[in-house]
Amino acid sequence: MGGDYSRPFLKFTLPNKERRVILYDFCYDLKDKEISEKLAVTVRTVYNLRQRAFKKIRTYYE
C-alpha cells in the first residue's frame, strides 16, 4: 500500500565504490573486468560491491 514517502530520496546514498560500480554497470554498460580495472579491485570485489549496493537499495525501498 503505497510507499513511505517520509524518507527523502536524497538521504539515500551508497558508498563511493558501490555507487561507481552501479554507474559503470548500468549507465556505461561496462563489463566487470573493465570496472575492476577502473577501480583497481578484483572482479570478485566488483561482484560483491554490486550485491551490497543492491541489498541496500532493496532495503531502502521496503
Protein backbone atom coordinates (compact mmCIF):
# COMPACT_ATOMS: atom_id res chain seq x y z
CA MET A 1 0.00 0.00 0.00
CA GLY A 2 1.95 2.98 -1.18
CA GLY A 3 5.49 3.71 -0.20
CA ASP A 4 6.85 5.52 2.78
CA TYR A 5 7.47 8.95 1.30
CA SER A 6 8.59 10.46 4.60
CA ARG A 7 12.19 9.45 3.81
CA PRO A 8 13.63 11.92 1.31
CA PHE A 9 15.35 10.24 -1.63
CA LEU A 10 18.44 12.42 -1.31
CA LYS A 11 19.20 10.94 2.11
CA PHE A 12 19.80 7.58 0.42
CA THR A 13 23.40 7.34 -0.65
CA LEU A 14 25.72 4.48 -1.45
CA PRO A 15 29.41 4.41 -0.59
CA ASN A 16 31.53 5.73 -3.43
CA LYS A 17 32.76 2.38 -4.81
CA GLU A 18 29.30 0.80 -4.69
CA ARG A 19 27.82 3.81 -6.47
CA ARG A 20 30.54 3.74 -9.12
CA VAL A 21 30.01 0.02 -9.79
CA ILE A 22 26.29 0.62 -10.35
CA LEU A 23 27.02 3.65 -12.53
CA TYR A 24 29.64 1.88 -14.67
CA ASP A 25 27.46 -1.22 -15.00
CA PHE A 26 24.11 0.33 -15.87
CA CYS A 27 24.95 3.72 -17.35
CA TYR A 28 28.18 2.96 -19.18
CA ASP A 29 27.48 -0.75 -19.80
CA LEU A 30 30.98 -1.81 -18.75
CA LYS A 31 31.84 -5.45 -18.07
CA ASP A 32 33.02 -6.50 -14.61
CA LYS A 33 36.61 -6.80 -15.86
CA GLU A 34 36.56 -3.20 -17.14
CA ILE A 35 35.03 -1.95 -13.90
CA SER A 36 37.64 -3.81 -11.86
CA GLU A 37 40.42 -2.15 -13.86
CA LYS A 38 38.91 1.33 -13.36
CA LEU A 39 38.50 0.80 -9.60
CA ALA A 40 41.77 -1.15 -9.15
CA VAL A 41 39.99 -4.08 -7.49
CA THR A 42 39.38 -7.71 -8.39
CA VAL A 43 36.44 -8.86 -10.50
CA ARG A 44 35.09 -10.66 -7.41
CA THR A 45 35.16 -7.36 -5.48
CA VAL A 46 33.10 -5.73 -8.24
CA TYR A 47 30.53 -8.52 -7.85
CA ASN A 48 30.50 -8.10 -4.05
CA LEU A 49 30.13 -4.32 -4.27
CA ARG A 50 27.21 -4.68 -6.68
CA GLN A 51 25.47 -7.19 -4.41
CA ARG A 52 25.92 -4.92 -1.37
CA ALA A 53 24.53 -1.97 -3.32
CA PHE A 54 21.51 -3.99 -4.48
CA LYS A 55 20.84 -5.11 -0.91
CA LYS A 56 20.94 -1.51 0.35
CA ILE A 57 18.65 -0.35 -2.45
CA ARG A 58 16.16 -3.18 -1.76
CA THR A 59 16.19 -2.44 1.99
CA TYR A 60 15.64 1.26 1.36
CA TYR A 61 12.54 0.63 -0.74
CA GLU A 62 10.98 -1.99 1.52
